[in-house]
Amino acid sequence: MTPIQCKMARVALGWGTRDLAAKAGVSPDTIARFERGEQLKSATVATIQAAFHAGGIEFIPENGGGVGVRFKKPAS
């Protein structure tokens, strides 16, 4: 997950930095630092990404069209 993907996912879910921080169990400052492009521990990024996955977000890697996010397809 890149900083821009973090911002995109937050907007898609309608979450502010405080919402994401609460769901991920980190401080709002940690979210702000990551979105500014500061380096975080990989475990912290994984925790933030897990909160998004629980919220229904899927991350799209660089595949020639750029990175992105989308909602996960609901399980049938």
N, C-alpha and C. Protein backbone atom coordinates (compact mmCIF):
# COMPACT_ATOMS: atom_id res chain seq x y z
N MET A 1 0.84 -1.17 0.00
CA MET A 1 0.00 0.00 0.00
C MET A 1 0.89 1.23 0.00
N THR A 2 0.58 2.14 -0.88
CA THR A 2 1.32 3.40 -0.97
C THR A 2 0.54 4.49 -0.22
N PRO A 3 1.20 5.61 0.09
CA PRO A 3 0.49 6.70 0.74
C PRO A 3 -0.75 7.18 -0.03
N ILE A 4 -0.64 7.27 -1.35
CA ILE A 4 -1.80 7.73 -2.13
C ILE A 4 -2.92 6.70 -2.10
N GLN A 5 -2.59 5.42 -2.08
CA GLN A 5 -3.62 4.40 -1.96
C GLN A 5 -4.32 4.51 -0.61
N CYS A 6 -3.58 4.86 0.43
CA CYS A 6 -4.17 5.04 1.75
C CYS A 6 -5.21 6.15 1.70
N LYS A 7 -4.84 7.27 1.10
CA LYS A 7 -5.78 8.39 0.99
C LYS A 7 -7.00 8.01 0.15
N MET A 8 -6.76 7.33 -0.96
CA MET A 8 -7.85 6.92 -1.85
C MET A 8 -8.82 5.99 -1.12
N ALA A 9 -8.28 5.05 -0.37
CA ALA A 9 -9.12 4.09 0.34
C ALA A 9 -9.94 4.79 1.43
N ARG A 10 -9.31 5.72 2.13
CA ARG A 10 -10.04 6.47 3.17
C ARG A 10 -11.23 7.21 2.58
N VAL A 11 -10.97 7.89 1.46
CA VAL A 11 -12.04 8.65 0.81
C VAL A 11 -13.14 7.71 0.32
N ALA A 12 -12.77 6.58 -0.26
CA ALA A 12 -13.77 5.63 -0.76
C ALA A 12 -14.69 5.15 0.37
N LEU A 13 -14.13 4.99 1.56
CA LEU A 13 -14.93 4.52 2.69
C LEU A 13 -15.57 5.66 3.48
N GLY A 14 -15.20 6.89 3.16
CA GLY A 14 -15.74 8.03 3.89
C GLY A 14 -15.14 8.16 5.29
N TRP A 15 -13.91 7.68 5.45
CA TRP A 15 -13.22 7.73 6.74
C TRP A 15 -12.27 8.91 6.79
N GLY A 16 -12.21 9.57 7.93
CA GLY A 16 -11.19 10.57 8.20
C GLY A 16 -9.97 9.88 8.77
N THR A 17 -8.92 10.64 9.00
CA THR A 17 -7.71 10.03 9.57
C THR A 17 -7.98 9.46 10.95
N ARG A 18 -8.82 10.12 11.72
CA ARG A 18 -9.13 9.60 13.07
C ARG A 18 -9.92 8.30 13.00
N ASP A 19 -10.82 8.19 12.02
CA ASP A 19 -11.58 6.94 11.85
C ASP A 19 -10.63 5.79 11.54
N LEU A 20 -9.76 6.01 10.57
CA LEU A 20 -8.81 4.97 10.20
C LEU A 20 -7.89 4.63 11.36
N ALA A 21 -7.40 5.63 12.05
CA ALA A 21 -6.51 5.39 13.19
C ALA A 21 -7.19 4.52 14.23
N ALA A 22 -8.45 4.81 14.54
CA ALA A 22 -9.18 4.03 15.54
C ALA A 22 -9.35 2.58 15.08
N LYS A 23 -9.68 2.40 13.81
CA LYS A 23 -9.90 1.05 13.29
C LYS A 23 -8.60 0.25 13.21
N ALA A 24 -7.48 0.94 12.98
CA ALA A 24 -6.18 0.27 12.86
C ALA A 24 -5.44 0.18 14.20
N GLY A 25 -5.91 0.92 15.21
CA GLY A 25 -5.24 0.89 16.50
C GLY A 25 -3.93 1.64 16.51
N VAL A 26 -3.85 2.71 15.71
CA VAL A 26 -2.66 3.56 15.68
C VAL A 26 -3.10 5.00 15.94
N SER A 27 -2.16 5.90 16.07
CA SER A 27 -2.52 7.29 16.32
C SER A 27 -2.87 8.00 15.01
N PRO A 28 -3.72 9.03 15.08
CA PRO A 28 -4.01 9.82 13.87
C PRO A 28 -2.75 10.42 13.27
N ASP A 29 -1.77 10.76 14.11
CA ASP A 29 -0.51 11.31 13.61
C ASP A 29 0.23 10.28 12.76
N THR A 30 0.13 9.01 13.12
CA THR A 30 0.77 7.95 12.33
C THR A 30 0.16 7.91 10.93
N ILE A 31 -1.16 8.03 10.85
CA ILE A 31 -1.82 8.04 9.54
C ILE A 31 -1.37 9.25 8.74
N ALA A 32 -1.34 10.42 9.37
CA ALA A 32 -0.93 11.65 8.69
C ALA A 32 0.51 11.55 8.20
N ARG A 33 1.38 11.00 9.03
CA ARG A 33 2.79 10.85 8.63
C ARG A 33 2.91 9.94 7.41
N PHE A 34 2.19 8.82 7.43
CA PHE A 34 2.25 7.89 6.30
C PHE A 34 1.73 8.56 5.02
N GLU A 35 0.62 9.26 5.13
CA GLU A 35 0.05 9.89 3.94
C GLU A 35 0.91 11.04 3.41
N ARG A 36 1.77 11.60 4.25
CA ARG A 36 2.73 12.61 3.80
C ARG A 36 3.94 11.97 3.12
N GLY A 37 4.04 10.66 3.20
CA GLY A 37 5.13 9.96 2.54
C GLY A 37 6.26 9.56 3.47
N GLU A 38 6.07 9.75 4.77
CA GLU A 38 7.11 9.32 5.72
C GLU A 38 7.12 7.80 5.82
N GLN A 39 8.29 7.25 6.07
CA GLN A 39 8.47 5.81 6.16
C GLN A 39 7.96 5.32 7.52
N LEU A 40 7.13 4.29 7.51
CA LEU A 40 6.66 3.64 8.73
C LEU A 40 7.19 2.22 8.76
N LYS A 41 7.15 1.61 9.93
CA LYS A 41 7.53 0.19 10.03
C LYS A 41 6.57 -0.62 9.18
N SER A 42 7.08 -1.67 8.55
CA SER A 42 6.23 -2.48 7.67
C SER A 42 5.07 -3.10 8.43
N ALA A 43 5.28 -3.43 9.70
CA ALA A 43 4.19 -4.01 10.51
C ALA A 43 3.07 -2.99 10.71
N THR A 44 3.42 -1.71 10.86
CA THR A 44 2.42 -0.66 11.03
C THR A 44 1.61 -0.49 9.75
N VAL A 45 2.29 -0.48 8.62
CA VAL A 45 1.59 -0.37 7.33
C VAL A 45 0.67 -1.57 7.13
N ALA A 46 1.14 -2.75 7.51
CA ALA A 46 0.31 -3.95 7.38
C ALA A 46 -0.94 -3.86 8.25
N THR A 47 -0.81 -3.29 9.43
CA THR A 47 -1.95 -3.12 10.33
C THR A 47 -2.97 -2.16 9.74
N ILE A 48 -2.48 -1.07 9.16
CA ILE A 48 -3.37 -0.10 8.51
C ILE A 48 -4.07 -0.75 7.32
N GLN A 49 -3.31 -1.49 6.54
CA GLN A 49 -3.88 -2.16 5.37
C GLN A 49 -4.92 -3.18 5.78
N ALA A 50 -4.70 -3.89 6.88
CA ALA A 50 -5.67 -4.87 7.37
C ALA A 50 -6.99 -4.19 7.75
N ALA A 51 -6.92 -2.98 8.30
CA ALA A 51 -8.14 -2.24 8.64
C ALA A 51 -8.94 -1.94 7.37
N PHE A 52 -8.23 -1.60 6.31
CA PHE A 52 -8.92 -1.35 5.04
C PHE A 52 -9.54 -2.63 4.49
N HIS A 53 -8.81 -3.73 4.57
CA HIS A 53 -9.36 -5.01 4.08
C HIS A 53 -10.63 -5.36 4.85
N ALA A 54 -10.62 -5.14 6.16
CA ALA A 54 -11.80 -5.41 6.98
C ALA A 54 -12.96 -4.48 6.58
N GLY A 55 -12.62 -3.29 6.09
CA GLY A 55 -13.63 -2.34 5.63
C GLY A 55 -14.13 -2.61 4.22
N GLY A 56 -13.54 -3.60 3.54
CA GLY A 56 -14.01 -3.97 2.20
C GLY A 56 -13.21 -3.39 1.06
N ILE A 57 -11.98 -2.96 1.34
CA ILE A 57 -11.13 -2.37 0.29
C ILE A 57 -10.09 -3.37 -0.17
N GLU A 58 -9.82 -3.35 -1.47
CA GLU A 58 -8.79 -4.17 -2.10
C GLU A 58 -7.81 -3.22 -2.77
N PHE A 59 -6.53 -3.51 -2.68
CA PHE A 59 -5.50 -2.65 -3.28
C PHE A 59 -5.06 -3.24 -4.60
N ILE A 60 -4.94 -2.37 -5.60
CA ILE A 60 -4.53 -2.78 -6.94
C ILE A 60 -3.07 -2.35 -7.12
N PRO A 61 -2.18 -3.31 -7.39
CA PRO A 61 -0.76 -2.97 -7.57
C PRO A 61 -0.51 -2.28 -8.91
N GLU A 62 0.66 -1.73 -9.05
CA GLU A 62 1.10 -1.14 -10.32
C GLU A 62 1.05 -2.25 -11.38
N ASN A 63 0.28 -2.02 -12.43
CA ASN A 63 0.15 -3.05 -13.47
C ASN A 63 0.17 -2.43 -14.86
N GLY A 64 0.86 -1.31 -14.96
CA GLY A 64 0.91 -0.60 -16.23
C GLY A 64 -0.10 0.53 -16.28
N GLY A 65 -1.10 0.49 -15.41
CA GLY A 65 -2.11 1.53 -15.39
C GLY A 65 -2.06 2.35 -14.12
N GLY A 66 -1.11 2.08 -13.26
CA GLY A 66 -0.99 2.80 -12.00
C GLY A 66 -1.66 2.07 -10.85
N VAL A 67 -1.26 2.42 -9.64
CA VAL A 67 -1.84 1.80 -8.45
C VAL A 67 -3.24 2.32 -8.23
N GLY A 68 -4.02 1.57 -7.47
CA GLY A 68 -5.38 2.01 -7.18
C GLY A 68 -5.99 1.24 -6.04
N VAL A 69 -7.26 1.49 -5.81
CA VAL A 69 -8.04 0.78 -4.81
C VAL A 69 -9.41 0.49 -5.39
N ARG A 70 -10.08 -0.49 -4.85
CA ARG A 70 -11.45 -0.79 -5.25
C ARG A 70 -12.13 -1.53 -4.10
N PHE A 71 -13.44 -1.57 -4.18
CA PHE A 71 -14.19 -2.33 -3.19
C PHE A 71 -14.08 -3.81 -3.55
N LYS A 72 -13.92 -4.65 -2.53
CA LYS A 72 -13.87 -6.09 -2.76
C LYS A 72 -15.23 -6.57 -3.23
N LYS A 73 -15.21 -7.56 -4.08
CA LYS A 73 -16.45 -8.18 -4.55
C LYS A 73 -17.05 -8.93 -3.37
N PRO A 74 -18.32 -8.68 -3.07
CA PRO A 74 -18.95 -9.38 -1.95
C PRO A 74 -18.92 -10.90 -2.15
N ALA A 75 -18.70 -11.62 -1.06
CA ALA A 75 -18.71 -13.09 -1.14
C ALA A 75 -20.14 -13.54 -1.39
N SER A 76 -20.29 -14.55 -2.27
CA SER A 76 -21.65 -15.02 -2.56
C SER A 76 -22.00 -16.23 -1.75
